[in-house]
Amino acid sequence: LPKVRNSKTFSFTVAGSHGYLTVGEYDDGSPGEIFMRLAKQGSTLAGFMDALAISLSHGLQFGVPLKDYVKSFTSMSFAPSGITDDPEI
């Protein structure tokens, strides 16, 4: 990834937990890194989400297509689950 890069940050709320997802991009606009922050800092869930984001980032940087991740994780569900404020999710 270039030292200076564009990124997009998405705010979300699921089951009362607020968080942010930031996607750093290559020059062509493709994703190259992911950062996830949950409001419950220090919680097991926040730590797991941080570790997952690091793992996804490594995969993206070593050529795993984003569509493969989407295909693998589609239809998975975990507790807590709930309604989100994002109409596209």
Protein backbone atom coordinates (compact mmCIF):
# COMPACT_ATOMS: atom_id res chain seq x y z
CA LEU A 1 0.00 0.00 0.00
CA PRO A 2 1.19 3.53 -0.67
CA LYS A 3 2.29 5.59 2.36
CA VAL A 4 -0.51 8.10 1.70
CA ARG A 5 -3.77 6.45 0.64
CA ASN A 6 -7.48 7.02 0.38
CA SER A 7 -9.81 5.30 2.80
CA LYS A 8 -13.49 5.04 3.58
CA THR A 9 -14.89 4.87 7.11
CA PHE A 10 -18.30 3.35 7.79
CA SER A 11 -20.19 3.83 11.05
CA PHE A 12 -22.48 0.99 12.16
CA THR A 13 -24.63 -0.20 15.04
CA VAL A 14 -25.58 -3.87 15.51
CA ALA A 15 -27.52 -5.12 18.53
CA GLY A 16 -26.78 -1.88 20.37
CA SER A 17 -23.01 -2.06 19.76
CA HIS A 18 -21.60 0.91 17.87
CA GLY A 19 -18.49 0.63 15.73
CA TYR A 20 -16.47 1.90 12.81
CA LEU A 21 -15.00 0.05 9.83
CA THR A 22 -12.22 1.78 7.89
CA VAL A 23 -11.02 0.42 4.54
CA GLY A 24 -7.67 1.64 3.21
CA GLU A 25 -7.39 1.55 -0.58
CA TYR A 26 -4.75 0.98 -3.21
CA ASP A 27 -4.37 3.67 -5.88
CA ASP A 28 -6.84 1.78 -8.11
CA GLY A 29 -9.53 1.93 -5.38
CA SER A 30 -9.32 -1.75 -4.43
CA PRO A 31 -9.25 -2.55 -0.69
CA GLY A 32 -5.89 -3.25 0.88
CA GLU A 33 -6.43 -3.02 4.63
CA ILE A 34 -9.28 -3.08 7.11
CA PHE A 35 -9.54 -1.58 10.58
CA MET A 36 -12.48 -2.32 12.87
CA ARG A 37 -13.23 -0.55 16.13
CA LEU A 38 -16.07 -1.36 18.49
CA ALA A 39 -17.23 0.92 21.30
CA LYS A 40 -16.61 -1.87 23.82
CA GLN A 41 -12.84 -1.37 23.99
CA GLY A 42 -11.05 -4.13 25.84
CA SER A 43 -13.89 -6.60 25.37
CA THR A 44 -13.35 -10.06 23.92
CA LEU A 45 -15.55 -9.15 20.94
CA ALA A 46 -13.52 -5.98 20.21
CA GLY A 47 -10.29 -7.98 20.39
CA PHE A 48 -11.64 -10.67 18.09
CA MET A 49 -12.85 -8.10 15.56
CA ASP A 50 -9.44 -6.39 15.59
CA ALA A 51 -7.71 -9.75 14.99
CA LEU A 52 -10.14 -10.58 12.16
CA ALA A 53 -9.48 -7.22 10.49
CA ILE A 54 -5.71 -7.79 10.65
CA SER A 55 -6.15 -11.25 9.12
CA LEU A 56 -8.34 -9.89 6.33
CA SER A 57 -5.82 -7.10 5.66
CA HIS A 58 -2.98 -9.61 5.30
CA GLY A 59 -5.05 -11.67 2.89
CA LEU A 60 -5.94 -8.63 0.78
CA GLN A 61 -2.29 -7.56 0.63
CA PHE A 62 -1.21 -11.04 -0.48
CA GLY A 63 -3.78 -11.34 -3.26
CA VAL A 64 -6.89 -12.94 -1.74
CA PRO A 65 -9.80 -11.34 -3.64
CA LEU A 66 -12.40 -9.53 -1.52
CA LYS A 67 -15.16 -11.52 -3.27
CA ASP A 68 -13.68 -14.74 -1.81
CA TYR A 69 -14.01 -13.33 1.72
CA VAL A 70 -17.57 -12.18 1.02
CA LYS A 71 -18.48 -15.63 -0.35
CA SER A 72 -16.97 -17.38 2.70
CA PHE A 73 -18.66 -15.19 5.30
CA THR A 74 -22.08 -14.72 3.67
CA SER A 75 -24.95 -16.23 5.68
CA MET A 76 -22.88 -16.75 8.84
CA SER A 77 -24.51 -15.57 12.05
CA PHE A 78 -23.31 -15.13 15.60
CA ALA A 79 -24.76 -13.83 18.83
CA PRO A 80 -25.32 -11.06 19.60
CA SER A 81 -27.28 -10.40 16.47
CA GLY A 82 -29.81 -7.71 15.85
CA ILE A 83 -31.13 -4.98 13.68
CA THR A 84 -28.61 -2.56 12.25
CA ASP A 85 -29.17 1.08 11.32
CA ASP A 86 -27.63 0.49 7.87
CA PRO A 87 -30.30 -0.29 5.23
CA GLU A 88 -27.70 -1.94 2.96
CA ILE A 89 -26.72 -4.63 5.50
